[in-house]
Amino acid sequence: MSLDATFTALADPTRRGVVALLRARPYRAGELADKLGTSAPAMSKHLRVLRTSGLVEHASDGDDARAKIFSLRQKPFRELRDWLEQVERFWENQLDAFAAHAERTRGKKTSR
């Protein structure tokens, strides 16, 4: 999946709440709705976005084949982490270059 889909899915606070809960353990949709104070239809829409983006997956509950258990998928979060690490390295390099420049020019007066 693309980073765009990941960012779009995570832009909503309820979906970020779902991800936060699923970090601890898998949940049924109804449990997620209860914990986050949303209606079942609203949670269904949020879970659909998260599934489409690839962030979550579902499996049938062994006790009730109609019930779905939702859990996080690792791959899109690894891709997000890798992208964030690249951005972090860019800014570290920029700050290091600025610090080196400031150190070189410390005490020098500019003439105008």
Protein backbone atom coordinates (compact mmCIF):
# COMPACT_ATOMS: atom_id res chain seq x y z
CA MET A 1 0.00 0.00 0.00
CA SER A 2 1.06 3.59 -0.43
CA LEU A 3 2.12 6.09 2.18
CA ASP A 4 -0.66 8.35 0.91
CA ALA A 5 -3.25 5.73 1.90
CA THR A 6 -1.58 5.33 5.29
CA PHE A 7 -1.57 9.07 5.98
CA THR A 8 -5.16 9.42 4.80
CA ALA A 9 -6.29 6.59 7.07
CA LEU A 10 -4.40 7.98 10.06
CA ALA A 11 -5.67 11.54 9.53
CA ASP A 12 -8.84 10.75 11.45
CA PRO A 13 -8.63 10.73 15.28
CA THR A 14 -11.06 7.81 15.61
CA ARG A 15 -8.95 5.69 13.28
CA ARG A 16 -5.83 6.62 15.24
CA GLY A 17 -7.76 5.52 18.34
CA VAL A 18 -8.47 2.17 16.70
CA VAL A 19 -4.78 1.75 15.91
CA ALA A 20 -3.85 2.64 19.49
CA LEU A 21 -6.23 0.01 20.85
CA LEU A 22 -5.12 -2.63 18.37
CA ARG A 23 -1.51 -2.13 19.47
CA ALA A 24 -2.44 -3.89 22.71
CA ARG A 25 -4.44 -6.78 21.26
CA PRO A 26 -6.96 -7.75 18.56
CA TYR A 27 -10.56 -6.56 19.03
CA ARG A 28 -14.00 -7.18 17.57
CA ALA A 29 -15.61 -4.23 15.80
CA GLY A 30 -18.25 -3.88 18.51
CA GLU A 31 -15.60 -3.72 21.22
CA LEU A 32 -13.75 -1.01 19.31
CA ALA A 33 -16.97 0.98 18.87
CA ASP A 34 -17.75 0.70 22.59
CA LYS A 35 -14.26 1.71 23.70
CA LEU A 36 -14.17 4.70 21.34
CA GLY A 37 -17.78 5.77 21.89
CA THR A 38 -18.86 5.46 18.26
CA SER A 39 -21.83 3.77 16.66
CA ALA A 40 -21.44 0.38 14.99
CA PRO A 41 -22.07 1.84 11.48
CA ALA A 42 -19.48 4.58 12.05
CA MET A 43 -16.94 2.04 13.30
CA SER A 44 -17.65 -0.14 10.28
CA LYS A 45 -16.76 2.79 7.99
CA HIS A 46 -13.55 3.51 9.92
CA LEU A 47 -12.53 -0.14 9.81
CA ARG A 48 -13.22 -0.25 6.08
CA VAL A 49 -10.82 2.69 5.55
CA LEU A 50 -8.18 1.03 7.74
CA ARG A 51 -8.58 -2.29 5.89
CA THR A 52 -8.45 -0.62 2.47
CA SER A 53 -5.28 1.22 3.45
CA GLY A 54 -3.76 -2.08 4.55
CA LEU A 55 -3.24 -1.00 8.16
CA VAL A 56 -5.57 -3.60 9.65
CA GLU A 57 -6.76 -7.05 8.74
CA HIS A 58 -9.55 -9.20 10.06
CA ALA A 59 -10.12 -12.86 10.68
CA SER A 60 -13.19 -14.81 11.69
CA ASP A 61 -13.71 -15.46 15.36
CA GLY A 62 -13.51 -19.19 16.03
CA ASP A 63 -16.60 -19.05 18.26
CA ASP A 64 -18.77 -17.06 15.84
CA ALA A 65 -17.88 -17.19 12.14
CA ARG A 66 -19.90 -13.99 11.53
CA ALA A 67 -17.82 -11.97 14.01
CA LYS A 68 -14.56 -10.49 12.78
CA ILE A 69 -11.48 -9.96 14.91
CA PHE A 70 -9.36 -6.97 13.81
CA SER A 71 -5.62 -6.67 14.22
CA LEU A 72 -2.79 -4.49 12.92
CA ARG A 73 -0.63 -5.39 9.97
CA GLN A 74 3.10 -4.73 10.38
CA LYS A 75 4.13 -3.95 6.81
CA PRO A 76 2.50 -0.52 6.34
CA PHE A 77 3.77 0.63 9.73
CA ARG A 78 7.30 -0.50 8.83
CA GLU A 79 7.03 1.47 5.57
CA LEU A 80 5.83 4.53 7.50
CA ARG A 81 8.67 4.15 10.02
CA ASP A 82 11.23 3.84 7.20
CA TRP A 83 9.92 7.01 5.54
CA LEU A 84 9.97 8.90 8.85
CA GLU A 85 13.54 7.76 9.48
CA GLN A 86 14.55 9.18 6.07
CA VAL A 87 12.93 12.52 6.95
CA GLU A 88 14.62 12.48 10.35
CA ARG A 89 18.04 11.83 8.76
CA PHE A 90 17.46 14.74 6.37
CA TRP A 91 16.75 17.13 9.24
CA GLU A 92 19.65 15.81 11.32
CA ASN A 93 21.97 16.50 8.37
CA GLN A 94 20.51 19.98 7.95
CA LEU A 95 20.92 20.77 11.64
CA ASP A 96 24.45 19.36 11.68
CA ALA A 97 25.35 21.53 8.68
CA PHE A 98 23.83 24.59 10.36
CA ALA A 99 25.72 23.88 13.60
CA ALA A 100 28.97 23.50 11.66
CA HIS A 101 28.30 26.77 9.82
CA ALA A 102 27.47 28.57 13.07
CA GLU A 103 30.66 27.23 14.66
CA ARG A 104 32.79 28.34 11.69
CA THR A 105 31.30 31.82 11.66
CA ARG A 106 31.19 32.32 15.44
CA GLY A 107 33.01 35.51 16.31
CA LYS A 108 33.28 36.67 12.72
CA LYS A 109 31.61 39.96 12.03
CA THR A 110 29.92 40.56 8.76
CA SER A 111 30.60 43.85 7.05
CA ARG A 112 27.84 45.71 5.31
